[in-house]
Each structure stands twice: as C-alpha cells, then as structure tokens.
C-alpha atoms as a PDB file:
ATOM      1  CA  UNK A   1      -1.918  -0.192 -11.452  1.00  0.00           C
ATOM      2  CA  UNK A   2      -3.796  -0.826  -8.335  1.00  0.00           C
ATOM      3  CA  UNK A   3      -1.909  -1.699  -5.236  1.00  0.00           C
ATOM      4  CA  UNK A   4      -1.476  -5.136  -4.231  1.00  0.00           C
ATOM      5  CA  UNK A   5      -4.727  -6.683  -3.538  1.00  0.00           C
ATOM      6  CA  UNK A   6      -4.918  -9.282  -0.623  1.00  0.00           C
ATOM      7  CA  UNK A   7      -7.610 -11.701   0.456  1.00  0.00           C
ATOM      8  CA  UNK A   8      -7.709 -13.965   3.545  1.00  0.00           C
ATOM      9  CA  UNK A   9      -8.764 -17.479   2.649  1.00  0.00           C
ATOM     10  CA  UNK A  10      -9.165 -19.993   5.365  1.00  0.00           C
ATOM     11  CA  UNK A  11     -10.115 -23.502   4.765  1.00  0.00           C
ATOM     12  CA  UNK A  12     -10.134 -26.521   7.257  1.00  0.00           C
ATOM     13  CA  UNK A  13      -8.231 -28.859   4.738  1.00  0.00           C
ATOM     14  CA  UNK A  14      -5.553 -26.181   4.503  1.00  0.00           C
ATOM     15  CA  UNK A  15      -5.967 -25.984   0.504  1.00  0.00           C
ATOM     16  CA  UNK A  16      -6.842 -22.829  -1.264  1.00  0.00           C
ATOM     17  CA  UNK A  17      -8.272 -24.111  -4.567  1.00  0.00           C
ATOM     18  CA  UNK A  18      -7.177 -23.195  -8.041  1.00  0.00           C
ATOM     19  CA  UNK A  19      -4.533 -20.427  -7.798  1.00  0.00           C
ATOM     20  CA  UNK A  20      -5.759 -18.793 -10.774  1.00  0.00           C
ATOM     21  CA  UNK A  21      -8.996 -18.106  -9.322  1.00  0.00           C
ATOM     22  CA  UNK A  22      -9.633 -14.506  -8.280  1.00  0.00           C
ATOM     23  CA  UNK A  23     -10.946 -14.003  -4.576  1.00  0.00           C
ATOM     24  CA  UNK A  24     -14.255 -12.769  -5.753  1.00  0.00           C
ATOM     25  CA  UNK A  25     -15.703 -11.176  -8.850  1.00  0.00           C
ATOM     26  CA  UNK A  26     -13.378  -8.911 -10.510  1.00  0.00           C
ATOM     27  CA  UNK A  27     -14.936  -5.745 -11.773  1.00  0.00           C
ATOM     28  CA  UNK A  28     -15.495  -5.180 -15.478  1.00  0.00           C
ATOM     29  CA  UNK A  29     -12.377  -3.524 -17.016  1.00  0.00           C
ATOM     30  CA  UNK A  30      -9.982  -4.822 -14.368  1.00  0.00           C
ATOM     31  CA  UNK A  31      -7.479  -7.661 -14.931  1.00  0.00           C
ATOM     32  CA  UNK A  32      -6.353  -9.605 -11.733  1.00  0.00           C
ATOM     33  CA  UNK A  33      -3.352 -12.144 -11.470  1.00  0.00           C
ATOM     34  CA  UNK A  34      -2.555 -14.266  -8.705  1.00  0.00           C
ATOM     35  CA  UNK A  35       0.953 -13.746  -7.225  1.00  0.00           C
ATOM     36  CA  UNK A  36       1.340 -15.910  -4.237  1.00  0.00           C
ATOM     37  CA  UNK A  37      -0.453 -17.450  -1.282  1.00  0.00           C
ATOM     38  CA  UNK A  38       0.947 -16.291   1.947  1.00  0.00           C
ATOM     39  CA  UNK A  39       0.233 -18.734   4.927  1.00  0.00           C
ATOM     40  CA  UNK A  40      -0.721 -17.347   8.353  1.00  0.00           C
ATOM     41  CA  UNK A  41       1.558 -18.515  10.973  1.00  0.00           C
ATOM     42  CA  UNK A  42       1.290 -18.303  14.965  1.00  0.00           C
ATOM     43  CA  UNK A  43       3.682 -16.199  16.529  1.00  0.00           C
ATOM     44  CA  UNK A  44       4.684 -16.847  19.925  1.00  0.00           C
ATOM     45  CA  UNK A  45       7.257 -15.549  22.601  1.00  0.00           C
ATOM     46  CA  UNK A  46      10.260 -17.369  22.400  1.00  0.00           C
ATOM     47  CA  UNK A  47       9.683 -19.029  25.961  1.00  0.00           C
ATOM     48  CA  UNK A  48       5.920 -20.078  25.246  1.00  0.00           C
ATOM     49  CA  UNK A  49       5.588 -23.815  25.778  1.00  0.00           C
ATOM     50  CA  UNK A  50       4.267 -24.688  22.275  1.00  0.00           C
ATOM     51  CA  UNK A  51       7.457 -22.813  20.858  1.00  0.00           C
ATOM     52  CA  UNK A  52       9.296 -26.117  20.842  1.00  0.00           C
ATOM     53  CA  UNK A  53       6.563 -27.812  18.597  1.00  0.00           C
ATOM     54  CA  UNK A  54       6.729 -28.050  14.941  1.00  0.00           C
ATOM     55  CA  UNK A  55       3.249 -26.626  14.568  1.00  0.00           C
ATOM     56  CA  UNK A  56       0.385 -25.536  16.771  1.00  0.00           C
ATOM     57  CA  UNK A  57      -3.349 -25.836  16.754  1.00  0.00           C
ATOM     58  CA  UNK A  58      -5.926 -23.662  18.257  1.00  0.00           C
ATOM     59  CA  UNK A  59      -6.181 -26.190  20.995  1.00  0.00           C
ATOM     60  CA  UNK A  60      -2.564 -25.726  21.941  1.00  0.00           C
ATOM     61  CA  UNK A  61      -3.200 -22.002  22.935  1.00  0.00           C
ATOM     62  CA  UNK A  62      -7.046 -21.945  24.446  1.00  0.00           C
ATOM     63  CA  UNK A  63      -6.302 -19.529  27.119  1.00  0.00           C
ATOM     64  CA  UNK A  64      -3.536 -17.444  25.838  1.00  0.00           C
ATOM     65  CA  UNK A  65      -3.760 -13.613  25.460  1.00  0.00           C
ATOM     66  CA  UNK A  66      -4.528 -13.021  21.782  1.00  0.00           C
ATOM     67  CA  UNK A  67      -3.250  -9.884  19.979  1.00  0.00           C
ATOM     68  CA  UNK A  68      -6.025  -9.159  17.639  1.00  0.00           C
ATOM     69  CA  UNK A  69      -5.208  -8.448  14.021  1.00  0.00           C
ATOM     70  CA  UNK A  70      -7.059  -7.977  10.684  1.00  0.00           C
ATOM     71  CA  UNK A  71      -6.768 -11.702  10.393  1.00  0.00           C
ATOM     72  CA  UNK A  72      -8.779 -12.345  13.631  1.00  0.00           C
ATOM     73  CA  UNK A  73     -11.768  -9.837  12.660  1.00  0.00           C
ATOM     74  CA  UNK A  74     -12.272 -10.998   9.048  1.00  0.00           C
ATOM     75  CA  UNK A  75     -11.707 -14.614   8.851  1.00  0.00           C
ATOM     76  CA  UNK A  76     -11.650 -16.099  12.153  1.00  0.00           C
ATOM     77  CA  UNK A  77     -15.183 -15.050  13.665  1.00  0.00           C
ATOM     78  CA  UNK A  78     -17.095 -17.756  11.976  1.00  0.00           C
ATOM     79  CA  UNK A  79     -14.060 -20.244  12.040  1.00  0.00           C
ATOM     80  CA  UNK A  80     -13.448 -23.138  14.510  1.00  0.00           C
ATOM     81  CA  UNK A  81     -11.060 -20.946  16.356  1.00  0.00           C
ATOM     82  CA  UNK A  82     -13.893 -18.409  17.418  1.00  0.00           C
ATOM     83  CA  UNK A  83     -15.162 -20.501  20.247  1.00  0.00           C
ATOM     84  CA  UNK A  84     -11.459 -21.612  21.477  1.00  0.00           C
ATOM     85  CA  UNK A  85      -9.974 -18.376  21.190  1.00  0.00           C
ATOM     86  CA  UNK A  86     -13.060 -16.413  22.773  1.00  0.00           C
ATOM     87  CA  UNK A  87     -12.106 -18.118  26.001  1.00  0.00           C
ATOM     88  CA  UNK A  88      -8.838 -16.424  26.613  1.00  0.00           C
ATOM     89  CA  UNK A  89      -7.898 -12.771  27.172  1.00  0.00           C
ATOM     90  CA  UNK A  90      -7.560 -10.630  24.238  1.00  0.00           C
ATOM     91  CA  UNK A  91      -5.373  -7.599  23.689  1.00  0.00           C
ATOM     92  CA  UNK A  92      -6.907  -5.206  20.964  1.00  0.00           C
ATOM     93  CA  UNK A  93      -5.442  -2.440  18.995  1.00  0.00           C
ATOM     94  CA  UNK A  94      -7.074  -0.494  16.330  1.00  0.00           C
ATOM     95  CA  UNK A  95      -5.367  -0.521  12.855  1.00  0.00           C
ATOM     96  CA  UNK A  96      -3.857  -3.037  10.220  1.00  0.00           C
ATOM     97  CA  UNK A  97      -0.163  -2.650  11.640  1.00  0.00           C
ATOM     98  CA  UNK A  98       1.073  -6.112  11.630  1.00  0.00           C
ATOM     99  CA  UNK A  99       4.508  -4.908  12.912  1.00  0.00           C
ATOM    100  CA  UNK A 100       2.930  -3.492  15.938  1.00  0.00           C
ATOM    101  CA  UNK A 101       1.338  -6.935  16.445  1.00  0.00           C
ATOM    102  CA  UNK A 102       4.677  -8.555  16.096  1.00  0.00           C
ATOM    103  CA  UNK A 103       6.348  -6.107  18.437  1.00  0.00           C
ATOM    104  CA  UNK A 104       3.544  -7.020  21.086  1.00  0.00           C
ATOM    105  CA  UNK A 105       4.161 -10.604  20.763  1.00  0.00           C
ATOM    106  CA  UNK A 106       8.294  -9.828  21.042  1.00  0.00           C
ATOM    107  CA  UNK A 107       7.458  -7.979  24.357  1.00  0.00           C
ATOM    108  CA  UNK A 108       5.613 -11.281  25.737  1.00  0.00           C
ATOM    109  CA  UNK A 109       2.314  -9.667  25.678  1.00  0.00           C
ATOM    110  CA  UNK A 110       0.623 -12.520  23.866  1.00  0.00           C
ATOM    111  CA  UNK A 111       0.338 -14.573  20.736  1.00  0.00           C
ATOM    112  CA  UNK A 112      -0.785 -13.502  17.165  1.00  0.00           C
ATOM    113  CA  UNK A 113      -1.642 -14.855  13.814  1.00  0.00           C
ATOM    114  CA  UNK A 114       0.416 -12.950  11.159  1.00  0.00           C
ATOM    115  CA  UNK A 115       1.488 -13.386   7.403  1.00  0.00           C
ATOM    116  CA  UNK A 116       4.627 -15.390   6.729  1.00  0.00           C
ATOM    117  CA  UNK A 117       6.078 -12.451   4.614  1.00  0.00           C
ATOM    118  CA  UNK A 118       5.899 -10.317   7.471  1.00  0.00           C
ATOM    119  CA  UNK A 119       7.952 -12.622   9.414  1.00  0.00           C
ATOM    120  CA  UNK A 120      11.104 -12.960   7.301  1.00  0.00           C
ATOM    121  CA  UNK A 121      12.870 -10.664   9.622  1.00  0.00           C
ATOM    122  CA  UNK A 122      11.040 -11.548  12.885  1.00  0.00           C
ATOM    123  CA  UNK A 123      12.980 -10.578  16.126  1.00  0.00           C
ATOM    124  CA  UNK A 124      14.864 -13.234  17.853  1.00  0.00           C
ATOM    125  CA  UNK A 125      12.376 -12.976  20.918  1.00  0.00           C
ATOM    126  CA  UNK A 126       9.587 -14.543  18.876  1.00  0.00           C
ATOM    127  CA  UNK A 127       8.943 -18.001  17.398  1.00  0.00           C
ATOM    128  CA  UNK A 128       6.924 -18.493  14.262  1.00  0.00           C
ATOM    129  CA  UNK A 129       5.004 -21.795  13.868  1.00  0.00           C
ATOM    130  CA  UNK A 130       2.626 -22.968  11.091  1.00  0.00           C
ATOM    131  CA  UNK A 131      -0.898 -23.034  12.126  1.00  0.00           C
ATOM    132  CA  UNK A 132      -2.450 -26.569  11.848  1.00  0.00           C
ATOM    133  CA  UNK A 133      -6.123 -27.319  11.391  1.00  0.00           C
ATOM    134  CA  UNK A 134      -7.466 -24.900  10.086  1.00  0.00           C
ATOM    135  CA  UNK A 135      -4.837 -23.776   7.873  1.00  0.00           C
ATOM    136  CA  UNK A 136      -5.205 -20.043   6.816  1.00  0.00           C
ATOM    137  CA  UNK A 137      -3.516 -18.135   3.683  1.00  0.00           C
ATOM    138  CA  UNK A 138      -3.500 -14.750   2.477  1.00  0.00           C
ATOM    139  CA  UNK A 139      -3.882 -14.533  -1.361  1.00  0.00           C
ATOM    140  CA  UNK A 140      -1.837 -11.664  -3.014  1.00  0.00           C
ATOM    141  CA  UNK A 141      -2.994 -10.491  -6.439  1.00  0.00           C
ATOM    142  CA  UNK A 142      -1.972  -7.517  -8.833  1.00  0.00           C
ATOM    143  CA  UNK A 143      -4.688  -5.612 -10.352  1.00  0.00           C
ATOM    144  CA  UNK A 144      -4.960  -3.345 -13.341  1.00  0.00           C
ATOM    145  CA  UNK A 145      -6.894  -1.743 -15.971  1.00  0.00           C
ATOM    146  CA  UNK A 146      -7.400  -4.293 -18.511  1.00  0.00           C
ATOM    147  CA  UNK A 147      -6.280  -2.151 -21.600  1.00  0.00           C
ATOM    148  CA  UNK A 148      -4.929  -3.034 -25.022  1.00  0.00           C
ATOM    149  CA  UNK A 149      -2.396  -0.312 -24.389  1.00  0.00           C
ATOM    150  CA  UNK A 150      -0.363  -1.216 -21.124  1.00  0.00           C
ATOM    151  CA  UNK A 151       2.780   0.686 -21.090  1.00  0.00           C
ATOM    152  CA  UNK A 152       6.133  -1.094 -20.782  1.00  0.00           C
ATOM    153  CA  UNK A 153       6.826   0.068 -17.325  1.00  0.00           C
ATOM    154  CA  UNK A 154       3.539  -1.319 -16.040  1.00  0.00           C
ATOM    155  CA  UNK A 155       4.541  -4.920 -17.848  1.00  0.00           C
ATOM    156  CA  UNK A 156       7.887  -4.568 -16.295  1.00  0.00           C
ATOM    157  CA  UNK A 157       6.532  -4.041 -12.838  1.00  0.00           C
ATOM    158  CA  UNK A 158       4.235  -7.046 -13.315  1.00  0.00           C
ATOM    159  CA  UNK A 159       7.126  -9.177 -14.293  1.00  0.00           C
ATOM    160  CA  UNK A 160       9.213  -8.051 -11.393  1.00  0.00           C
ATOM    161  CA  UNK A 161       6.405  -8.769  -8.928  1.00  0.00           C
ATOM    162  CA  UNK A 162       5.871 -12.299 -10.568  1.00  0.00           C
ATOM    163  CA  UNK A 163       9.737 -12.990 -10.251  1.00  0.00           C
ATOM    164  CA  UNK A 164       9.682 -12.076  -6.668  1.00  0.00           C
ATOM    165  CA  UNK A 165       6.791 -14.210  -5.807  1.00  0.00           C
ATOM    166  CA  UNK A 166       8.181 -17.013  -7.174  1.00  0.00           C
ATOM    167  CA  UNK A 167      11.160 -16.798  -5.115  1.00  0.00           C
ATOM    168  CA  UNK A 168       9.109 -16.910  -1.960  1.00  0.00           C
END
C-alpha cells in the first residue's frame, strides 16, 4: 500500500467538489480512495488580537510575521493571500515538519497555516481558528495497486483508515 497521499486544494467558496474525485490523474494500475478533507487552520499565539475571533481572514493578519510551511509554497503563491501576506515579515524554515511550525507559533514568533489534524493536541499557548475566505483543505487518500488478489491485511488496513477518517 502506498503511504497516505495528501493534496492541498484551495478554493474561494470553501468547497472542494466531489469527495470521490482524485486530486489528479491516477496512474494506470493504481487504486485511490478519498479518506477525508482536512481543513487548513490559522494558528496564532494565545495573546494575538484576532485570537478572540471565531474565524480569521487574511485581512486580519496583513503585517504579521508568517511562519512558512508547505501550505504557503504550494497553494498560496497564486491565491488572494499572496499579495496580502507578502507585505509582512516571513520566518522561513526548510522542511515539511508541521510540528516545528506549531512550536514556533507557540514560542510567539509568528502565525502559520496548518492542517487541523495536526492541531488535535496543540499546546495551550496557541489558538486555532478557521481560515475564512479563502477556505483551504488538505485532501487525504489511500493509494494501492489495483490488483484482483488484495491481501486480507491490506483490506483490513483500508477499513481501519476509513473508520478512523469517519470519526474525525
């Protein structure tokens, strides 16, 4: 079985389309199944002014120090956030380690966009708010060889993943 495949999918209306749609062409011989859409959230230090709001828009944070993550580089370069966020300071680190970005926010060094699943055990020194206009999601899929003789262990793993995703 291939590792979980994630795809960032941003959209001004906050919808992601048909959940059964793959994020792109699936190579011949592979079977892909959508598990869950994981919303991207704004993560702020607890004392940040918009931390008391129910949700946050890019206009609420135009001059903040942004901690760059893979969310920034892949999807937001061409989004409406690009110009707004480009005016503030940026704290760059190289890598896909969302936990590092979360700890930088917890230390008060800036704000970040992170997947909600990562934030289930966020430190008490951060506040998590939904991003409003545009809404962005990370789509999670399983991927495996499309074969007639799929082992019981692979089918069982797929069942466990579907059940876990349904509980989120």
